[in-house]
Amino acid sequence: MARSNVYLGKSVKDVNKKGLDSLSEVEGIAKNIIKDYQQERISYRTAISRMNLLELVVSRDSDFKGAKKKKARKIVDKYRAKLMSMKE
C-alpha cells in the first residue's frame, strides 16, 4: 500500500526532480510552516508536527546523505527553535 503525499507547503517549487531533494527546498518549507503559523492558518501543534515530519523526511530520504543531511537537519532545527520561541 503506497503512502500518499503529506502536505508540508505548496508554495515551494521543486528545484530538480520531483519531491524533496535540495537544501533550498527544506529551508523554503520550514519558512512556510513558520509563515502559516504567524498568519494563524495552522495551530502551534500542527506547525511543530510539520517541522518534525520535515526532519523525518530528511533523515529517511536517499537524496540527503552525509554533510547534506547534517545541513538539512540543522536548518530544520533552526526553524523549530524559532517556532518554539514564538510560542513563549
PDB file of N, CA and C in Angstrom:
ATOM      1  N   MET A   1       0.842  -1.171   0.000  1.00  0.00           N
ATOM      2  CA  MET A   1       0.000   0.000   0.000  1.00  0.00           C
ATOM      3  C   MET A   1       0.890   1.239   0.000  1.00  0.00           C
ATOM      4  N   ALA A   2       0.737   2.073  -0.984  1.00  0.00           N
ATOM      5  CA  ALA A   2       1.552   3.273  -1.112  1.00  0.00           C
ATOM      6  C   ALA A   2       1.012   4.376  -0.215  1.00  0.00           C
ATOM      7  N   ARG A   3       1.916   5.121   0.344  1.00  0.00           N
ATOM      8  CA  ARG A   3       1.532   6.233   1.211  1.00  0.00           C
ATOM      9  C   ARG A   3       1.315   7.475   0.360  1.00  0.00           C
ATOM     10  N   SER A   4       0.266   8.193   0.631  1.00  0.00           N
ATOM     11  CA  SER A   4       0.008   9.415  -0.131  1.00  0.00           C
ATOM     12  C   SER A   4       0.941  10.521   0.349  1.00  0.00           C
ATOM     13  N   ASN A   5       1.103  11.525  -0.475  1.00  0.00           N
ATOM     14  CA  ASN A   5       1.961  12.642  -0.109  1.00  0.00           C
ATOM     15  C   ASN A   5       1.353  13.410   1.052  1.00  0.00           C
ATOM     16  N   VAL A   6       2.205  13.935   1.904  1.00  0.00           N
ATOM     17  CA  VAL A   6       1.779  14.699   3.062  1.00  0.00           C
ATOM     18  C   VAL A   6       2.035  16.169   2.790  1.00  0.00           C
ATOM     19  N   TYR A   7       1.071  17.010   3.106  1.00  0.00           N
ATOM     20  CA  TYR A   7       1.222  18.453   2.884  1.00  0.00           C
ATOM     21  C   TYR A   7       2.257  19.022   3.837  1.00  0.00           C
ATOM     22  N   LEU A   8       3.260  19.677   3.285  1.00  0.00           N
ATOM     23  CA  LEU A   8       4.221  20.436   4.089  1.00  0.00           C
ATOM     24  C   LEU A   8       4.268  21.884   3.619  1.00  0.00           C
ATOM     25  N   GLY A   9       3.769  22.157   2.473  1.00  0.00           N
ATOM     26  CA  GLY A   9       3.760  23.510   1.940  1.00  0.00           C
ATOM     27  C   GLY A   9       3.672  23.439   0.427  1.00  0.00           C
ATOM     28  N   LYS A  10       2.824  24.250  -0.159  1.00  0.00           N
ATOM     29  CA  LYS A  10       2.627  24.173  -1.598  1.00  0.00           C
ATOM     30  C   LYS A  10       3.356  25.260  -2.359  1.00  0.00           C
ATOM     31  N   SER A  11       3.815  26.286  -1.686  1.00  0.00           N
ATOM     32  CA  SER A  11       4.388  27.417  -2.413  1.00  0.00           C
ATOM     33  C   SER A  11       5.890  27.285  -2.662  1.00  0.00           C
ATOM     34  N   VAL A  12       6.491  26.184  -2.236  1.00  0.00           N
ATOM     35  CA  VAL A  12       7.914  25.948  -2.503  1.00  0.00           C
ATOM     36  C   VAL A  12       8.010  25.109  -3.766  1.00  0.00           C
ATOM     37  N   LYS A  13       8.636  25.664  -4.791  1.00  0.00           N
ATOM     38  CA  LYS A  13       8.732  24.963  -6.074  1.00  0.00           C
ATOM     39  C   LYS A  13       9.806  23.883  -6.022  1.00  0.00           C
ATOM     40  N   ASP A  14       9.550  22.792  -6.743  1.00  0.00           N
ATOM     41  CA  ASP A  14      10.561  21.751  -6.896  1.00  0.00           C
ATOM     42  C   ASP A  14      11.707  22.314  -7.727  1.00  0.00           C
ATOM     43  N   VAL A  15      12.929  22.063  -7.270  1.00  0.00           N
ATOM     44  CA  VAL A  15      14.091  22.597  -7.964  1.00  0.00           C
ATOM     45  C   VAL A  15      14.579  21.620  -9.030  1.00  0.00           C
ATOM     46  N   ASN A  16      14.866  20.419  -8.659  1.00  0.00           N
ATOM     47  CA  ASN A  16      15.364  19.423  -9.611  1.00  0.00           C
ATOM     48  C   ASN A  16      14.276  18.403  -9.898  1.00  0.00           C
ATOM     49  N   LYS A  17      14.440  17.211  -9.362  1.00  0.00           N
ATOM     50  CA  LYS A  17      13.430  16.189  -9.589  1.00  0.00           C
ATOM     51  C   LYS A  17      12.271  16.357  -8.616  1.00  0.00           C
ATOM     52  N   LYS A  18      11.212  15.632  -8.848  1.00  0.00           N
ATOM     53  CA  LYS A  18      10.014  15.720  -8.036  1.00  0.00           C
ATOM     54  C   LYS A  18      10.315  15.282  -6.601  1.00  0.00           C
ATOM     55  N   GLY A  19       9.770  16.002  -5.641  1.00  0.00           N
ATOM     56  CA  GLY A  19       9.977  15.667  -4.239  1.00  0.00           C
ATOM     57  C   GLY A  19      11.058  16.524  -3.597  1.00  0.00           C
ATOM     58  N   LEU A  20      11.366  16.206  -2.377  1.00  0.00           N
ATOM     59  CA  LEU A  20      12.333  16.954  -1.583  1.00  0.00           C
ATOM     60  C   LEU A  20      13.746  16.462  -1.895  1.00  0.00           C
ATOM     61  N   ASP A  21      14.576  17.345  -2.450  1.00  0.00           N
ATOM     62  CA  ASP A  21      15.925  16.900  -2.790  1.00  0.00           C
ATOM     63  C   ASP A  21      16.991  17.981  -2.664  1.00  0.00           C
ATOM     64  N   SER A  22      16.630  19.179  -2.200  1.00  0.00           N
ATOM     65  CA  SER A  22      17.651  20.214  -2.064  1.00  0.00           C
ATOM     66  C   SER A  22      17.496  20.974  -0.742  1.00  0.00           C
ATOM     67  N   LEU A  23      18.578  21.575  -0.322  1.00  0.00           N
ATOM     68  CA  LEU A  23      18.568  22.344   0.924  1.00  0.00           C
ATOM     69  C   LEU A  23      17.661  23.565   0.823  1.00  0.00           C
ATOM     70  N   SER A  24      17.590  24.168  -0.362  1.00  0.00           N
ATOM     71  CA  SER A  24      16.722  25.339  -0.527  1.00  0.00           C
ATOM     72  C   SER A  24      15.246  24.958  -0.371  1.00  0.00           C
ATOM     73  N   GLU A  25      14.884  23.764  -0.791  1.00  0.00           N
ATOM     74  CA  GLU A  25      13.504  23.303  -0.601  1.00  0.00           C
ATOM     75  C   GLU A  25      13.217  23.072   0.879  1.00  0.00           C
ATOM     76  N   VAL A  26      14.165  22.493   1.598  1.00  0.00           N
ATOM     77  CA  VAL A  26      13.995  22.261   3.036  1.00  0.00           C
ATOM     78  C   VAL A  26      13.784  23.598   3.743  1.00  0.00           C
ATOM     79  N   GLU A  27      14.636  24.569   3.439  1.00  0.00           N
ATOM     80  CA  GLU A  27      14.513  25.881   4.083  1.00  0.00           C
ATOM     81  C   GLU A  27      13.212  26.572   3.687  1.00  0.00           C
ATOM     82  N   GLY A  28      12.833  26.477   2.433  1.00  0.00           N
ATOM     83  CA  GLY A  28      11.585  27.086   1.972  1.00  0.00           C
ATOM     84  C   GLY A  28      10.373  26.517   2.682  1.00  0.00           C
ATOM     85  N   ILE A  29      10.342  25.215   2.856  1.00  0.00           N
ATOM     86  CA  ILE A  29       9.220  24.568   3.543  1.00  0.00           C
ATOM     87  C   ILE A  29       9.192  24.996   5.010  1.00  0.00           C
ATOM     88  N   ALA A  30      10.350  25.006   5.652  1.00  0.00           N
ATOM     89  CA  ALA A  30      10.416  25.425   7.059  1.00  0.00           C
ATOM     90  C   ALA A  30       9.940  26.873   7.221  1.00  0.00           C
ATOM     91  N   LYS A  31      10.351  27.740   6.315  1.00  0.00           N
ATOM     92  CA  LYS A  31       9.903  29.142   6.362  1.00  0.00           C
ATOM     93  C   LYS A  31       8.390  29.235   6.183  1.00  0.00           C
ATOM     94  N   ASN A  32       7.844  28.433   5.284  1.00  0.00           N
ATOM     95  CA  ASN A  32       6.397  28.465   5.049  1.00  0.00           C
ATOM     96  C   ASN A  32       5.604  27.940   6.232  1.00  0.00           C
ATOM     97  N   ILE A  33       6.150  26.980   6.946  1.00  0.00           N
ATOM     98  CA  ILE A  33       5.483  26.488   8.151  1.00  0.00           C
ATOM     99  C   ILE A  33       5.405  27.620   9.177  1.00  0.00           C
ATOM    100  N   ILE A  34       6.517  28.339   9.349  1.00  0.00           N
ATOM    101  CA  ILE A  34       6.544  29.488  10.270  1.00  0.00           C
ATOM    102  C   ILE A  34       5.528  30.539   9.817  1.00  0.00           C
ATOM    103  N   LYS A  35       5.523  30.830   8.536  1.00  0.00           N
ATOM    104  CA  LYS A  35       4.617  31.839   7.981  1.00  0.00           C
ATOM    105  C   LYS A  35       3.151  31.447   8.205  1.00  0.00           C
ATOM    106  N   ASP A  36       2.823  30.178   7.954  1.00  0.00           N
ATOM    107  CA  ASP A  36       1.456  29.708   8.172  1.00  0.00           C
ATOM    108  C   ASP A  36       1.051  29.857   9.636  1.00  0.00           C
ATOM    109  N   TYR A  37       1.979  29.586  10.549  1.00  0.00           N
ATOM    110  CA  TYR A  37       1.689  29.735  11.978  1.00  0.00           C
ATOM    111  C   TYR A  37       1.493  31.211  12.331  1.00  0.00           C
ATOM    112  N   GLN A  38       2.362  32.082  11.830  1.00  0.00           N
ATOM    113  CA  GLN A  38       2.252  33.508  12.115  1.00  0.00           C
ATOM    114  C   GLN A  38       0.926  34.082  11.613  1.00  0.00           C
ATOM    115  N   GLN A  39       0.484  33.607  10.475  1.00  0.00           N
ATOM    116  CA  GLN A  39      -0.764  34.100   9.892  1.00  0.00           C
ATOM    117  C   GLN A  39      -1.985  33.343  10.419  1.00  0.00           C
ATOM    118  N   GLU A  40      -1.757  32.515  11.425  1.00  0.00           N
ATOM    119  CA  GLU A  40      -2.799  31.751  12.102  1.00  0.00           C
ATOM    120  C   GLU A  40      -3.588  30.831  11.168  1.00  0.00           C
ATOM    121  N   ARG A  41      -2.914  30.337  10.138  1.00  0.00           N
ATOM    122  CA  ARG A  41      -3.537  29.349   9.251  1.00  0.00           C
ATOM    123  C   ARG A  41      -3.497  27.966   9.881  1.00  0.00           C
ATOM    124  N   ILE A  42      -2.462  27.735  10.706  1.00  0.00           N
ATOM    125  CA  ILE A  42      -2.314  26.456  11.392  1.00  0.00           C
ATOM    126  C   ILE A  42      -2.003  26.722  12.867  1.00  0.00           C
ATOM    127  N   SER A  43      -2.296  25.737  13.693  1.00  0.00           N
ATOM    128  CA  SER A  43      -2.027  25.862  15.123  1.00  0.00           C
ATOM    129  C   SER A  43      -0.541  25.594  15.402  1.00  0.00           C
ATOM    130  N   TYR A  44      -0.126  25.916  16.615  1.00  0.00           N
ATOM    131  CA  TYR A  44       1.248  25.650  17.032  1.00  0.00           C
ATOM    132  C   TYR A  44       1.525  24.146  16.953  1.00  0.00           C
ATOM    133  N   ARG A  45       0.583  23.361  17.416  1.00  0.00           N
ATOM    134  CA  ARG A  45       0.753  21.907  17.413  1.00  0.00           C
ATOM    135  C   ARG A  45       0.949  21.370  15.990  1.00  0.00           C
ATOM    136  N   THR A  46       0.165  21.871  15.064  1.00  0.00           N
ATOM    137  CA  THR A  46       0.293  21.457  13.670  1.00  0.00           C
ATOM    138  C   THR A  46       1.640  21.884  13.103  1.00  0.00           C
ATOM    139  N   ALA A  47       2.060  23.102  13.436  1.00  0.00           N
ATOM    140  CA  ALA A  47       3.348  23.608  12.948  1.00  0.00           C
ATOM    141  C   ALA A  47       4.507  22.754  13.455  1.00  0.00           C
ATOM    142  N   ILE A  48       4.490  22.428  14.736  1.00  0.00           N
ATOM    143  CA  ILE A  48       5.544  21.579  15.306  1.00  0.00           C
ATOM    144  C   ILE A  48       5.511  20.189  14.665  1.00  0.00           C
ATOM    145  N   SER A  49       4.317  19.667  14.460  1.00  0.00           N
ATOM    146  CA  SER A  49       4.190  18.346  13.823  1.00  0.00           C
ATOM    147  C   SER A  49       4.777  18.357  12.422  1.00  0.00           C
ATOM    148  N   ARG A  50       4.538  19.434  11.682  1.00  0.00           N
ATOM    149  CA  ARG A  50       5.081  19.531  10.325  1.00  0.00           C
ATOM    150  C   ARG A  50       6.600  19.669  10.342  1.00  0.00           C
ATOM    151  N   MET A  51       7.138  20.409  11.313  1.00  0.00           N
ATOM    152  CA  MET A  51       8.601  20.507  11.438  1.00  0.00           C
ATOM    153  C   MET A  51       9.190  19.137  11.731  1.00  0.00           C
ATOM    154  N   ASN A  52       8.553  18.403  12.632  1.00  0.00           N
ATOM    155  CA  ASN A  52       9.036  17.063  12.967  1.00  0.00           C
ATOM    156  C   ASN A  52       8.961  16.130  11.759  1.00  0.00           C
ATOM    157  N   LEU A  53       7.879  16.250  10.999  1.00  0.00           N
ATOM    158  CA  LEU A  53       7.729  15.432   9.796  1.00  0.00           C
ATOM    159  C   LEU A  53       8.791  15.797   8.753  1.00  0.00           C
ATOM    160  N   LEU A  54       9.062  17.076   8.625  1.00  0.00           N
ATOM    161  CA  LEU A  54      10.103  17.520   7.690  1.00  0.00           C
ATOM    162  C   LEU A  54      11.452  16.913   8.072  1.00  0.00           C
ATOM    163  N   GLU A  55      11.768  16.908   9.352  1.00  0.00           N
ATOM    164  CA  GLU A  55      13.028  16.306   9.794  1.00  0.00           C
ATOM    165  C   GLU A  55      13.039  14.801   9.524  1.00  0.00           C
ATOM    166  N   LEU A  56      11.922  14.143   9.732  1.00  0.00           N
ATOM    167  CA  LEU A  56      11.832  12.709   9.463  1.00  0.00           C
ATOM    168  C   LEU A  56      12.043  12.415   7.985  1.00  0.00           C
ATOM    169  N   VAL A  57      11.434  13.216   7.135  1.00  0.00           N
ATOM    170  CA  VAL A  57      11.587  13.035   5.686  1.00  0.00           C
ATOM    171  C   VAL A  57      13.052  13.198   5.289  1.00  0.00           C
ATOM    172  N   VAL A  58      13.694  14.226   5.827  1.00  0.00           N
ATOM    173  CA  VAL A  58      15.114  14.470   5.527  1.00  0.00           C
ATOM    174  C   VAL A  58      15.972  13.303   5.997  1.00  0.00           C
ATOM    175  N   SER A  59      15.685  12.796   7.185  1.00  0.00           N
ATOM    176  CA  SER A  59      16.524  11.720   7.732  1.00  0.00           C
ATOM    177  C   SER A  59      16.374  10.411   6.964  1.00  0.00           C
ATOM    178  N   ARG A  60      15.227  10.219   6.304  1.00  0.00           N
ATOM    179  CA  ARG A  60      14.999   8.964   5.582  1.00  0.00           C
ATOM    180  C   ARG A  60      15.177   9.072   4.078  1.00  0.00           C
ATOM    181  N   ASP A  61      15.316  10.278   3.573  1.00  0.00           N
ATOM    182  CA  ASP A  61      15.405  10.482   2.123  1.00  0.00           C
ATOM    183  C   ASP A  61      16.793  10.116   1.614  1.00  0.00           C
ATOM    184  N   SER A  62      16.841   9.363   0.547  1.00  0.00           N
ATOM    185  CA  SER A  62      18.130   8.938  -0.010  1.00  0.00           C
ATOM    186  C   SER A  62      18.883  10.082  -0.682  1.00  0.00           C
ATOM    187  N   ASP A  63      18.200  11.201  -0.978  1.00  0.00           N
ATOM    188  CA  ASP A  63      18.876  12.365  -1.558  1.00  0.00           C
ATOM    189  C   ASP A  63      19.736  13.097  -0.540  1.00  0.00           C
ATOM    190  N   PHE A  64      19.476  12.868   0.739  1.00  0.00           N
ATOM    191  CA  PHE A  64      20.222  13.538   1.802  1.00  0.00           C
ATOM    192  C   PHE A  64      21.131  12.530   2.490  1.00  0.00           C
ATOM    193  N   LYS A  65      22.422  12.687   2.231  1.00  0.00           N
ATOM    194  CA  LYS A  65      23.422  11.801   2.827  1.00  0.00           C
ATOM    195  C   LYS A  65      24.567  12.640   3.371  1.00  0.00           C
ATOM    196  N   GLY A  66      25.216  12.148   4.406  1.00  0.00           N
ATOM    197  CA  GLY A  66      26.415  12.780   4.946  1.00  0.00           C
ATOM    198  C   GLY A  66      26.230  14.227   5.341  1.00  0.00           C
ATOM    199  N   ALA A  67      27.100  15.082   4.788  1.00  0.00           N
ATOM    200  CA  ALA A  67      27.109  16.507   5.145  1.00  0.00           C
ATOM    201  C   ALA A  67      25.812  17.204   4.731  1.00  0.00           C
ATOM    202  N   LYS A  68      25.238  16.789   3.626  1.00  0.00           N
ATOM    203  CA  LYS A  68      23.987  17.405   3.158  1.00  0.00           C
ATOM    204  C   LYS A  68      22.856  17.127   4.154  1.00  0.00           C
ATOM    205  N   LYS A  69      22.818  15.908   4.687  1.00  0.00           N
ATOM    206  CA  LYS A  69      21.803  15.557   5.674  1.00  0.00           C
ATOM    207  C   LYS A  69      21.996  16.377   6.945  1.00  0.00           C
ATOM    208  N   LYS A  70      23.249  16.536   7.359  1.00  0.00           N
ATOM    209  CA  LYS A  70      23.552  17.331   8.559  1.00  0.00           C
ATOM    210  C   LYS A  70      23.075  18.768   8.396  1.00  0.00           C
ATOM    211  N   LYS A  71      23.363  19.356   7.235  1.00  0.00           N
ATOM    212  CA  LYS A  71      22.956  20.738   6.973  1.00  0.00           C
ATOM    213  C   LYS A  71      21.442  20.868   6.957  1.00  0.00           C
ATOM    214  N   ALA A  72      20.775  19.912   6.343  1.00  0.00           N
ATOM    215  CA  ALA A  72      19.309  19.952   6.263  1.00  0.00           C
ATOM    216  C   ALA A  72      18.693  19.847   7.656  1.00  0.00           C
ATOM    217  N   ARG A  73      19.209  18.968   8.482  1.00  0.00           N
ATOM    218  CA  ARG A  73      18.684  18.819   9.843  1.00  0.00           C
ATOM    219  C   ARG A  73      18.971  20.061  10.671  1.00  0.00           C
ATOM    220  N   LYS A  74      20.106  20.702  10.411  1.00  0.00           N
ATOM    221  CA  LYS A  74      20.446  21.945  11.108  1.00  0.00           C
ATOM    222  C   LYS A  74      19.447  23.053  10.737  1.00  0.00           C
ATOM    223  N   ILE A  75      19.064  23.100   9.469  1.00  0.00           N
ATOM    224  CA  ILE A  75      18.073  24.085   9.007  1.00  0.00           C
ATOM    225  C   ILE A  75      16.743  23.856   9.738  1.00  0.00           C
ATOM    226  N   VAL A  76      16.307  22.605   9.782  1.00  0.00           N
ATOM    227  CA  VAL A  76      15.039  22.281  10.442  1.00  0.00           C
ATOM    228  C   VAL A  76      15.115  22.637  11.925  1.00  0.00           C
ATOM    229  N   ASP A  77      16.221  22.309  12.574  1.00  0.00           N
ATOM    230  CA  ASP A  77      16.388  22.626  13.996  1.00  0.00           C
ATOM    231  C   ASP A  77      16.339  24.134  14.248  1.00  0.00           C
ATOM    232  N   LYS A  78      16.941  24.912  13.341  1.00  0.00           N
ATOM    233  CA  LYS A  78      16.943  26.366  13.477  1.00  0.00           C
ATOM    234  C   LYS A  78      15.517  26.916  13.425  1.00  0.00           C
ATOM    235  N   TYR A  79      14.746  26.457  12.466  1.00  0.00           N
ATOM    236  CA  TYR A  79      13.378  26.956  12.330  1.00  0.00           C
ATOM    237  C   TYR A  79      12.453  26.399  13.404  1.00  0.00           C
ATOM    238  N   ARG A  80      12.716  25.199  13.894  1.00  0.00           N
ATOM    239  CA  ARG A  80      11.934  24.661  15.007  1.00  0.00           C
ATOM    240  C   ARG A  80      12.168  25.502  16.259  1.00  0.00           C
ATOM    241  N   ALA A  81      13.423  25.871  16.505  1.00  0.00           N
ATOM    242  CA  ALA A  81      13.742  26.712  17.656  1.00  0.00           C
ATOM    243  C   ALA A  81      13.064  28.086  17.531  1.00  0.00           C
ATOM    244  N   LYS A  82      13.049  28.625  16.314  1.00  0.00           N
ATOM    245  CA  LYS A  82      12.380  29.893  16.073  1.00  0.00           C
ATOM    246  C   LYS A  82      10.889  29.778  16.368  1.00  0.00           C
ATOM    247  N   LEU A  83      10.286  28.702  15.912  1.00  0.00           N
ATOM    248  CA  LEU A  83       8.872  28.461  16.157  1.00  0.00           C
ATOM    249  C   LEU A  83       8.586  28.335  17.653  1.00  0.00           C
ATOM    250  N   MET A  84       9.423  27.607  18.356  1.00  0.00           N
ATOM    251  CA  MET A  84       9.240  27.431  19.793  1.00  0.00           C
ATOM    252  C   MET A  84       9.375  28.751  20.530  1.00  0.00           C
ATOM    253  N   SER A  85      10.281  29.603  20.103  1.00  0.00           N
ATOM    254  CA  SER A  85      10.451  30.899  20.773  1.00  0.00           C
ATOM    255  C   SER A  85       9.265  31.825  20.504  1.00  0.00           C
ATOM    256  N   MET A  86       8.552  31.621  19.406  1.00  0.00           N
ATOM    257  CA  MET A  86       7.388  32.443  19.082  1.00  0.00           C
ATOM    258  C   MET A  86       6.211  32.115  20.002  1.00  0.00           C
ATOM    259  N   LYS A  87       6.148  30.914  20.497  1.00  0.00           N
ATOM    260  CA  LYS A  87       5.041  30.488  21.342  1.00  0.00           C
ATOM    261  C   LYS A  87       5.133  31.099  22.734  1.00  0.00           C
ATOM    262  N   GLU A  88       6.327  31.314  23.217  1.00  0.00           N
ATOM    263  CA  GLU A  88       6.528  31.794  24.595  1.00  0.00           C
ATOM    264  C   GLU A  88       6.031  33.170  24.819  1.00  0.00           C
TER     265      GLU A  88
END
